[in-house]
PDB file of all heavy atoms in Angstrom:
ATOM      1  N   GLN A   1     116.568 109.871 110.586  1.00  0.00           N
ATOM      2  CA  GLN A   1     115.380 110.398 109.906  1.00  0.00           C
ATOM      3  C   GLN A   1     114.232 109.386 109.995  1.00  0.00           C
ATOM      4  O   GLN A   1     113.109 109.730 110.360  1.00  0.00           O
ATOM      5  CB  GLN A   1     115.677 110.685 108.429  1.00  0.00           C
ATOM      6  CG  GLN A   1     116.603 111.856 108.183  1.00  0.00           C
ATOM      7  CD  GLN A   1     116.904 112.039 106.708  1.00  0.00           C
ATOM      8  OE1 GLN A   1     115.997 112.069 105.881  1.00  0.00           O
ATOM      9  NE2 GLN A   1     118.176 112.168 106.372  1.00  0.00           N
ATOM     10  N   LEU A   2     114.537 108.131 109.654  1.00  0.00           N
ATOM     11  CA  LEU A   2     113.501 107.096 109.640  1.00  0.00           C
ATOM     12  C   LEU A   2     112.940 106.850 111.031  1.00  0.00           C
ATOM     13  O   LEU A   2     111.721 106.730 111.200  1.00  0.00           O
ATOM     14  CB  LEU A   2     114.045 105.799 109.030  1.00  0.00           C
ATOM     15  CG  LEU A   2     114.370 105.851 107.532  1.00  0.00           C
ATOM     16  CD1 LEU A   2     115.047 104.560 107.087  1.00  0.00           C
ATOM     17  CD2 LEU A   2     113.132 106.130 106.698  1.00  0.00           C
ATOM     18  N   ASP A   3     113.813 106.784 112.037  1.00  0.00           N
ATOM     19  CA  ASP A   3     113.348 106.556 113.412  1.00  0.00           C
ATOM     20  C   ASP A   3     112.403 107.659 113.856  1.00  0.00           C
ATOM     21  O   ASP A   3     111.345 107.396 114.440  1.00  0.00           O
ATOM     22  CB  ASP A   3     114.532 106.481 114.392  1.00  0.00           C
ATOM     23  CG  ASP A   3     115.336 105.196 114.255  1.00  0.00           C
ATOM     24  OD1 ASP A   3     114.856 104.250 113.588  1.00  0.00           O
ATOM     25  OD2 ASP A   3     116.459 105.143 114.801  1.00  0.00           O
ATOM     26  N   THR A   4     112.761 108.907 113.567  1.00  0.00           N
ATOM     27  CA  THR A   4     111.928 110.056 113.940  1.00  0.00           C
ATOM     28  C   THR A   4     110.560 109.969 113.262  1.00  0.00           C
ATOM     29  O   THR A   4     109.524 110.143 113.907  1.00  0.00           O
ATOM     30  CB  THR A   4     112.628 111.373 113.537  1.00  0.00           C
ATOM     31  OG1 THR A   4     113.887 111.441 114.206  1.00  0.00           O
ATOM     32  CG2 THR A   4     111.795 112.580 113.892  1.00  0.00           C
ATOM     33  N   LEU A   5     110.552 109.677 111.963  1.00  0.00           N
ATOM     34  CA  LEU A   5     109.295 109.646 111.209  1.00  0.00           C
ATOM     35  C   LEU A   5     108.429 108.451 111.603  1.00  0.00           C
ATOM     36  O   LEU A   5     107.206 108.571 111.702  1.00  0.00           O
ATOM     37  CB  LEU A   5     109.582 109.655 109.707  1.00  0.00           C
ATOM     38  CG  LEU A   5     110.313 110.909 109.212  1.00  0.00           C
ATOM     39  CD1 LEU A   5     110.642 110.802 107.734  1.00  0.00           C
ATOM     40  CD2 LEU A   5     109.518 112.176 109.495  1.00  0.00           C
ATOM     41  N   ARG A   6     109.056 107.315 111.853  1.00  0.00           N
ATOM     42  CA  ARG A   6     108.293 106.131 112.303  1.00  0.00           C
ATOM     43  C   ARG A   6     107.632 106.398 113.649  1.00  0.00           C
ATOM     44  O   ARG A   6     106.465 106.051 113.869  1.00  0.00           O
ATOM     45  CB  ARG A   6     109.210 104.917 112.406  1.00  0.00           C
ATOM     46  CG  ARG A   6     109.664 104.359 111.062  1.00  0.00           C
ATOM     47  CD  ARG A   6     110.701 103.275 111.271  1.00  0.00           C
ATOM     48  NE  ARG A   6     111.275 102.819 110.022  1.00  0.00           N
ATOM     49  CZ  ARG A   6     112.532 102.413 109.892  1.00  0.00           C
ATOM     50  NH1 ARG A   6     113.353 102.412 110.937  1.00  0.00           N
ATOM     51  NH2 ARG A   6     112.983 102.002 108.725  1.00  0.00           N
ATOM     52  N   THR A   7     108.385 107.016 114.560  1.00  0.00           N
ATOM     53  CA  THR A   7     107.844 107.329 115.892  1.00  0.00           C
ATOM     54  C   THR A   7     106.672 108.294 115.772  1.00  0.00           C
ATOM     55  O   THR A   7     105.631 108.104 116.406  1.00  0.00           O
ATOM     56  CB  THR A   7     108.955 107.924 116.790  1.00  0.00           C
ATOM     57  OG1 THR A   7     110.014 106.971 116.894  1.00  0.00           O
ATOM     58  CG2 THR A   7     108.430 108.261 118.175  1.00  0.00           C
ATOM     59  N   TYR A   8     106.819 109.319 114.948  1.00  0.00           N
ATOM     60  CA  TYR A   8     105.763 110.300 114.727  1.00  0.00           C
ATOM     61  C   TYR A   8     104.494 109.605 114.216  1.00  0.00           C
ATOM     62  O   TYR A   8     103.394 109.848 114.715  1.00  0.00           O
ATOM     63  CB  TYR A   8     106.245 111.361 113.728  1.00  0.00           C
ATOM     64  CG  TYR A   8     105.154 112.299 113.270  1.00  0.00           C
ATOM     65  CD1 TYR A   8     104.809 113.417 114.026  1.00  0.00           C
ATOM     66  CD2 TYR A   8     104.468 112.074 112.077  1.00  0.00           C
ATOM     67  CE1 TYR A   8     103.811 114.272 113.606  1.00  0.00           C
ATOM     68  CE2 TYR A   8     103.469 112.927 111.652  1.00  0.00           C
ATOM     69  CZ  TYR A   8     103.137 114.027 112.422  1.00  0.00           C
ATOM     70  OH  TYR A   8     102.135 114.864 112.013  1.00  0.00           O
ATOM     71  N   CYS A   9     104.658 108.741 113.213  1.00  0.00           N
ATOM     72  CA  CYS A   9     103.502 108.037 112.636  1.00  0.00           C
ATOM     73  C   CYS A   9     102.840 107.143 113.670  1.00  0.00           C
ATOM     74  O   CYS A   9     101.612 107.073 113.758  1.00  0.00           O
ATOM     75  CB  CYS A   9     103.930 107.223 111.411  1.00  0.00           C
ATOM     76  SG  CYS A   9     104.298 108.269 109.991  1.00  0.00           S
ATOM     77  N   ASN A  10     103.646 106.475 114.457  1.00  0.00           N
ATOM     78  CA  ASN A  10     103.138 105.591 115.504  1.00  0.00           C
ATOM     79  C   ASN A  10     102.312 106.379 116.518  1.00  0.00           C
ATOM     80  O   ASN A  10     101.199 105.979 116.877  1.00  0.00           O
ATOM     81  CB  ASN A  10     104.324 104.896 116.188  1.00  0.00           C
ATOM     82  CG  ASN A  10     103.924 103.614 116.856  1.00  0.00           C
ATOM     83  OD1 ASN A  10     102.837 103.104 116.655  1.00  0.00           O
ATOM     84  ND2 ASN A  10     104.822 103.095 117.669  1.00  0.00           N
ATOM     85  N   LEU A  11     102.828 107.516 116.943  1.00  0.00           N
ATOM     86  CA  LEU A  11     102.134 108.367 117.926  1.00  0.00           C
ATOM     87  C   LEU A  11     100.806 108.899 117.396  1.00  0.00           C
ATOM     88  O   LEU A  11      99.870 109.100 118.151  1.00  0.00           O
ATOM     89  CB  LEU A  11     103.011 109.561 118.309  1.00  0.00           C
ATOM     90  CG  LEU A  11     104.139 109.303 119.290  1.00  0.00           C
ATOM     91  CD1 LEU A  11     105.044 110.520 119.416  1.00  0.00           C
ATOM     92  CD2 LEU A  11     103.584 108.920 120.656  1.00  0.00           C
ATOM     93  N   HIS A  12     100.740 109.148 116.082  1.00  0.00           N
ATOM     94  CA  HIS A  12      99.536 109.737 115.476  1.00  0.00           C
ATOM     95  C   HIS A  12      98.672 108.704 114.743  1.00  0.00           C
ATOM     96  O   HIS A  12      97.828 109.082 113.924  1.00  0.00           O
ATOM     97  CB  HIS A  12      99.935 110.884 114.539  1.00  0.00           C
ATOM     98  CG  HIS A  12     100.515 112.043 115.278  1.00  0.00           C
ATOM     99  ND1 HIS A  12     101.851 112.134 115.594  1.00  0.00           N
ATOM    100  CD2 HIS A  12      99.937 113.153 115.802  1.00  0.00           C
ATOM    101  CE1 HIS A  12     102.066 113.243 116.269  1.00  0.00           C
ATOM    102  NE2 HIS A  12     100.925 113.885 116.413  1.00  0.00           N
ATOM    103  N   GLN A  13      98.893 107.418 115.038  1.00  0.00           N
ATOM    104  CA  GLN A  13      98.125 106.331 114.418  1.00  0.00           C
ATOM    105  C   GLN A  13      98.064 106.429 112.897  1.00  0.00           C
ATOM    106  O   GLN A  13      97.015 106.229 112.287  1.00  0.00           O
ATOM    107  CB  GLN A  13      96.689 106.261 114.986  1.00  0.00           C
ATOM    108  CG  GLN A  13      96.594 105.712 116.378  1.00  0.00           C
ATOM    109  CD  GLN A  13      96.638 106.798 117.435  1.00  0.00           C
ATOM    110  OE1 GLN A  13      96.027 107.839 117.278  1.00  0.00           O
ATOM    111  NE2 GLN A  13      97.368 106.567 118.499  1.00  0.00           N
ATOM    112  N   LYS A  14      99.196 106.740 112.305  1.00  0.00           N
ATOM    113  CA  LYS A  14      99.287 106.792 110.846  1.00  0.00           C
ATOM    114  C   LYS A  14     100.008 105.538 110.389  1.00  0.00           C
ATOM    115  O   LYS A  14     101.011 105.144 110.971  1.00  0.00           O
ATOM    116  CB  LYS A  14     100.052 108.049 110.392  1.00  0.00           C
ATOM    117  CG  LYS A  14      99.294 109.338 110.706  1.00  0.00           C
ATOM    118  CD  LYS A  14     100.143 110.557 110.392  1.00  0.00           C
ATOM    119  CE  LYS A  14      99.442 111.833 110.754  1.00  0.00           C
ATOM    120  NZ  LYS A  14      98.799 112.475 109.624  1.00  0.00           N
ATOM    121  N   SER A  15      99.495 104.921 109.355  1.00  0.00           N
ATOM    122  CA  SER A  15     100.042 103.668 108.853  1.00  0.00           C
ATOM    123  C   SER A  15     101.068 103.934 107.750  1.00  0.00           C
ATOM    124  O   SER A  15     100.749 104.539 106.732  1.00  0.00           O
ATOM    125  CB  SER A  15      98.892 102.811 108.321  1.00  0.00           C
ATOM    126  OG  SER A  15      99.407 101.676 107.693  1.00  0.00           O
ATOM    127  N   ILE A  16     102.299 103.482 107.962  1.00  0.00           N
ATOM    128  CA  ILE A  16     103.352 103.647 106.948  1.00  0.00           C
ATOM    129  C   ILE A  16     103.183 102.527 105.928  1.00  0.00           C
ATOM    130  O   ILE A  16     103.326 101.354 106.251  1.00  0.00           O
ATOM    131  CB  ILE A  16     104.752 103.589 107.591  1.00  0.00           C
ATOM    132  CG1 ILE A  16     104.918 104.731 108.604  1.00  0.00           C
ATOM    133  CG2 ILE A  16     105.831 103.666 106.511  1.00  0.00           C
ATOM    134  CD1 ILE A  16     106.155 104.597 109.480  1.00  0.00           C
ATOM    135  N   VAL A  17     102.868 102.920 104.694  1.00  0.00           N
ATOM    136  CA  VAL A  17     102.663 101.920 103.636  1.00  0.00           C
ATOM    137  C   VAL A  17     103.880 101.801 102.724  1.00  0.00           C
ATOM    138  O   VAL A  17     103.950 100.892 101.904  1.00  0.00           O
ATOM    139  CB  VAL A  17     101.386 102.215 102.812  1.00  0.00           C
ATOM    140  CG1 VAL A  17     100.149 102.101 103.691  1.00  0.00           C
ATOM    141  CG2 VAL A  17     101.456 103.588 102.156  1.00  0.00           C
ATOM    142  N   GLY A  18     104.837 102.731 102.873  1.00  0.00           N
ATOM    143  CA  GLY A  18     106.048 102.659 102.061  1.00  0.00           C
ATOM    144  C   GLY A  18     107.129 103.557 102.614  1.00  0.00           C
ATOM    145  O   GLY A  18     106.841 104.623 103.147  1.00  0.00           O
ATOM    146  N   GLU A  19     108.366 103.070 102.514  1.00  0.00           N
ATOM    147  CA  GLU A  19     109.525 103.881 102.878  1.00  0.00           C
ATOM    148  C   GLU A  19     110.421 103.971 101.648  1.00  0.00           C
ATOM    149  O   GLU A  19     110.786 102.951 101.072  1.00  0.00           O
ATOM    150  CB  GLU A  19     110.289 103.249 104.047  1.00  0.00           C
ATOM    151  CG  GLU A  19     109.514 103.301 105.347  1.00  0.00           C
ATOM    152  CD  GLU A  19     110.305 102.757 106.542  1.00  0.00           C
ATOM    153  OE1 GLU A  19     111.481 102.345 106.367  1.00  0.00           O
ATOM    154  OE2 GLU A  19     109.737 102.756 107.648  1.00  0.00           O
ATOM    155  N   TYR A  20     110.738 105.185 101.261  1.00  0.00           N
ATOM    156  CA  TYR A  20     111.536 105.445 100.068  1.00  0.00           C
ATOM    157  C   TYR A  20     112.812 106.143 100.539  1.00  0.00           C
ATOM    158  O   TYR A  20     112.733 107.219 101.142  1.00  0.00           O
ATOM    159  CB  TYR A  20     110.757 106.320  99.098  1.00  0.00           C
ATOM    160  CG  TYR A  20     109.427 105.716  98.693  1.00  0.00           C
ATOM    161  CD1 TYR A  20     108.301 105.826  99.513  1.00  0.00           C
ATOM    162  CD2 TYR A  20     109.306 105.022  97.499  1.00  0.00           C
ATOM    163  CE1 TYR A  20     107.091 105.262  99.145  1.00  0.00           C
ATOM    164  CE2 TYR A  20     108.088 104.462  97.118  1.00  0.00           C
ATOM    165  CZ  TYR A  20     106.988 104.581  97.947  1.00  0.00           C
ATOM    166  OH  TYR A  20     105.788 104.027  97.589  1.00  0.00           O
ATOM    167  N   VAL A  21     113.956 105.533 100.287  1.00  0.00           N
ATOM    168  CA  VAL A  21     115.208 106.036 100.841  1.00  0.00           C
ATOM    169  C   VAL A  21     116.270 106.148  99.758  1.00  0.00           C
ATOM    170  O   VAL A  21     116.621 105.157  99.120  1.00  0.00           O
ATOM    171  CB  VAL A  21     115.709 105.100 101.973  1.00  0.00           C
ATOM    172  CG1 VAL A  21     117.028 105.605 102.534  1.00  0.00           C
ATOM    173  CG2 VAL A  21     114.667 104.973 103.077  1.00  0.00           C
ATOM    174  N   ASP A  22     116.757 107.370  99.548  1.00  0.00           N
ATOM    175  CA  ASP A  22     117.885 107.608  98.634  1.00  0.00           C
ATOM    176  C   ASP A  22     119.111 107.885  99.492  1.00  0.00           C
ATOM    177  O   ASP A  22     119.172 108.892 100.201  1.00  0.00           O
ATOM    178  CB  ASP A  22     117.598 108.801  97.702  1.00  0.00           C
ATOM    179  CG  ASP A  22     116.684 108.424  96.543  1.00  0.00           C
ATOM    180  OD1 ASP A  22     116.921 107.368  95.934  1.00  0.00           O
ATOM    181  OD2 ASP A  22     115.751 109.200  96.250  1.00  0.00           O
ATOM    182  N   ARG A  23     120.088 106.978  99.428  1.00  0.00           N
ATOM    183  CA  ARG A  23     121.310 107.108 100.243  1.00  0.00           C
ATOM    184  C   ARG A  23     122.457 107.660  99.411  1.00  0.00           C
ATOM    185  O   ARG A  23     122.703 107.200  98.311  1.00  0.00           O
ATOM    186  CB  ARG A  23     121.726 105.740 100.784  1.00  0.00           C
ATOM    187  CG  ARG A  23     120.743 105.158 101.765  1.00  0.00           C
ATOM    188  CD  ARG A  23     121.115 103.720 102.147  1.00  0.00           C
ATOM    189  NE  ARG A  23     120.045 103.091 102.907  1.00  0.00           N
ATOM    190  CZ  ARG A  23     119.929 103.188 104.219  1.00  0.00           C
ATOM    191  NH1 ARG A  23     120.815 103.833 104.917  1.00  0.00           N
ATOM    192  NH2 ARG A  23     118.915 102.591 104.848  1.00  0.00           N
ATOM    193  N   GLY A  24     123.153 108.638  99.985  1.00  0.00           N
ATOM    194  CA  GLY A  24     124.348 109.173  99.334  1.00  0.00           C
ATOM    195  C   GLY A  24     124.074 109.879  98.026  1.00  0.00           C
ATOM    196  O   GLY A  24     124.883 109.850  97.111  1.00  0.00           O
ATOM    197  N   VAL A  25     122.888 110.523  97.921  1.00  0.00           N
ATOM    198  CA  VAL A  25     122.494 111.177  96.672  1.00  0.00           C
ATOM    199  C   VAL A  25     122.211 112.653  96.946  1.00  0.00           C
ATOM    200  O   VAL A  25     121.506 112.982  97.890  1.00  0.00           O
ATOM    201  CB  VAL A  25     121.225 110.525  96.068  1.00  0.00           C
ATOM    202  CG1 VAL A  25     120.922 111.120  94.708  1.00  0.00           C
ATOM    203  CG2 VAL A  25     121.376 109.030  95.960  1.00  0.00           C
ATOM    204  N   SER A  26     122.741 113.517  96.102  1.00  0.00           N
ATOM    205  CA  SER A  26     122.523 114.955  96.239  1.00  0.00           C
ATOM    206  C   SER A  26     121.060 115.305  95.982  1.00  0.00           C
ATOM    207  O   SER A  26     120.376 114.633  95.214  1.00  0.00           O
ATOM    208  CB  SER A  26     123.415 115.683  95.225  1.00  0.00           C
ATOM    209  OG  SER A  26     123.020 117.027  95.124  1.00  0.00           O
ATOM    210  N   GLY A  27     120.623 116.395  96.606  1.00  0.00           N
ATOM    211  CA  GLY A  27     119.260 116.881  96.394  1.00  0.00           C
ATOM    212  C   GLY A  27     119.163 117.905  95.283  1.00  0.00           C
ATOM    213  O   GLY A  27     118.156 118.581  95.144  1.00  0.00           O
ATOM    214  N   LYS A  28     120.232 118.000  94.456  1.00  0.00           N
ATOM    215  CA  LYS A  28     120.231 119.049  93.428  1.00  0.00           C
ATOM    216  C   LYS A  28     119.315 118.735  92.261  1.00  0.00           C
ATOM    217  O   LYS A  28     118.882 119.624  91.563  1.00  0.00           O
ATOM    218  CB  LYS A  28     121.646 119.339  92.928  1.00  0.00           C
ATOM    219  CG  LYS A  28     122.217 118.265  92.040  1.00  0.00           C
ATOM    220  CD  LYS A  28     123.581 118.652  91.513  1.00  0.00           C
ATOM    221  CE  LYS A  28     124.140 117.510  90.695  1.00  0.00           C
ATOM    222  NZ  LYS A  28     125.492 117.715  90.286  1.00  0.00           N
ATOM    223  N   SER A  29     119.042 117.447  92.000  1.00  0.00           N
ATOM    224  CA  SER A  29     118.124 117.113  90.911  1.00  0.00           C
ATOM    225  C   SER A  29     117.407 115.806  91.223  1.00  0.00           C
ATOM    226  O   SER A  29     117.712 115.132  92.205  1.00  0.00           O
ATOM    227  CB  SER A  29     118.875 116.995  89.583  1.00  0.00           C
ATOM    228  OG  SER A  29     119.544 115.751  89.518  1.00  0.00           O
ATOM    229  N   ILE A  30     116.468 115.452  90.358  1.00  0.00           N
ATOM    230  CA  ILE A  30     115.693 114.221  90.547  1.00  0.00           C
ATOM    231  C   ILE A  30     116.444 113.044  89.925  1.00  0.00           C
ATOM    232  O   ILE A  30     116.242 111.898  90.307  1.00  0.00           O
ATOM    233  CB  ILE A  30     114.280 114.394  89.953  1.00  0.00           C
ATOM    234  CG1 ILE A  30     113.549 115.517  90.700  1.00  0.00           C
ATOM    235  CG2 ILE A  30     113.475 113.107  90.048  1.00  0.00           C
ATOM    236  CD1 ILE A  30     112.233 115.916  90.098  1.00  0.00           C
ATOM    237  N   GLU A  31     117.342 113.342  88.986  1.00  0.00           N
ATOM    238  CA  GLU A  31     118.114 112.286  88.321  1.00  0.00           C
ATOM    239  C   GLU A  31     118.918 111.483  89.338  1.00  0.00           C
ATOM    240  O   GLU A  31     119.510 112.032  90.247  1.00  0.00           O
ATOM    241  CB  GLU A  31     119.090 112.906  87.320  1.00  0.00           C
ATOM    242  CG  GLU A  31     118.508 113.080  85.943  1.00  0.00           C
ATOM    243  CD  GLU A  31     119.502 113.735  85.007  1.00  0.00           C
ATOM    244  OE1 GLU A  31     120.654 113.271  84.941  1.00  0.00           O
ATOM    245  OE2 GLU A  31     119.106 114.717  84.363  1.00  0.00           O
ATOM    246  N   GLY A  32     118.922 110.170  89.156  1.00  0.00           N
ATOM    247  CA  GLY A  32     119.701 109.309  90.037  1.00  0.00           C
ATOM    248  C   GLY A  32     119.043 109.043  91.376  1.00  0.00           C
ATOM    249  O   GLY A  32     119.557 108.293  92.194  1.00  0.00           O
ATOM    250  N   ARG A  33     117.889 109.662  91.606  1.00  0.00           N
ATOM    251  CA  ARG A  33     117.172 109.454  92.873  1.00  0.00           C
ATOM    252  C   ARG A  33     116.023 108.490  92.598  1.00  0.00           C
ATOM    253  O   ARG A  33     114.881 108.867  92.452  1.00  0.00           O
ATOM    254  CB  ARG A  33     116.700 110.797  93.429  1.00  0.00           C
ATOM    255  CG  ARG A  33     117.921 111.632  93.831  1.00  0.00           C
ATOM    256  CD  ARG A  33     117.590 113.007  94.228  1.00  0.00           C
ATOM    257  NE  ARG A  33     116.696 113.031  95.364  1.00  0.00           N
ATOM    258  CZ  ARG A  33     116.018 114.115  95.724  1.00  0.00           C
ATOM    259  NH1 ARG A  33     116.142 115.228  95.048  1.00  0.00           N
ATOM    260  NH2 ARG A  33     115.217 114.081  96.753  1.00  0.00           N
ATOM    261  N   TYR A  34     116.412 107.213  92.531  1.00  0.00           N
ATOM    262  CA  TYR A  34     115.479 106.183  92.077  1.00  0.00           C
ATOM    263  C   TYR A  34     114.311 105.996  93.034  1.00  0.00           C
ATOM    264  O   TYR A  34     113.194 105.725  92.605  1.00  0.00           O
ATOM    265  CB  TYR A  34     116.235 104.876  91.840  1.00  0.00           C
ATOM    266  CG  TYR A  34     117.331 105.071  90.821  1.00  0.00           C
ATOM    267  CD1 TYR A  34     118.674 105.000  91.182  1.00  0.00           C
ATOM    268  CD2 TYR A  34     117.028 105.420  89.499  1.00  0.00           C
ATOM    269  CE1 TYR A  34     119.675 105.240  90.252  1.00  0.00           C
ATOM    270  CE2 TYR A  34     118.027 105.670  88.567  1.00  0.00           C
ATOM    271  CZ  TYR A  34     119.347 105.570  88.946  1.00  0.00           C
ATOM    272  OH  TYR A  34     120.332 105.825  88.037  1.00  0.00           O
ATOM    273  N   GLU A  35     114.552 106.163  94.316  1.00  0.00           N
ATOM    274  CA  GLU A  35     113.465 105.997  95.287  1.00  0.00           C
ATOM    275  C   GLU A  35     112.460 107.146  95.190  1.00  0.00           C
ATOM    276  O   GLU A  35     111.264 106.926  95.313  1.00  0.00           O
ATOM    277  CB  GLU A  35     114.032 105.885  96.703  1.00  0.00           C
ATOM    278  CG  GLU A  35     114.743 104.560  96.949  1.00  0.00           C
ATOM    279  CD  GLU A  35     113.793 103.374  96.941  1.00  0.00           C
ATOM    280  OE1 GLU A  35     112.864 103.343  97.773  1.00  0.00           O
ATOM    281  OE2 GLU A  35     113.974 102.471  96.104  1.00  0.00           O
ATOM    282  N   LEU A  36     112.932 108.358  94.943  1.00  0.00           N
ATOM    283  CA  LEU A  36     112.023 109.495  94.750  1.00  0.00           C
ATOM    284  C   LEU A  36     111.190 109.268  93.494  1.00  0.00           C
ATOM    285  O   LEU A  36     109.975 109.494  93.487  1.00  0.00           O
ATOM    286  CB  LEU A  36     112.793 110.807  94.648  1.00  0.00           C
ATOM    287  CG  LEU A  36     111.932 112.044  94.364  1.00  0.00           C
ATOM    288  CD1 LEU A  36     110.883 112.259  95.444  1.00  0.00           C
ATOM    289  CD2 LEU A  36     112.807 113.282  94.204  1.00  0.00           C
TER     290      LEU A  36
END
């Protein structure tokens, strides 16, 4: 996911100012998703 998004930003001259990554966390709620 990160490689794809970094490449996209690079191609479109968009500056990534932050990467927020929740590993091993369900998308069912916001609880426990500290990066979100």
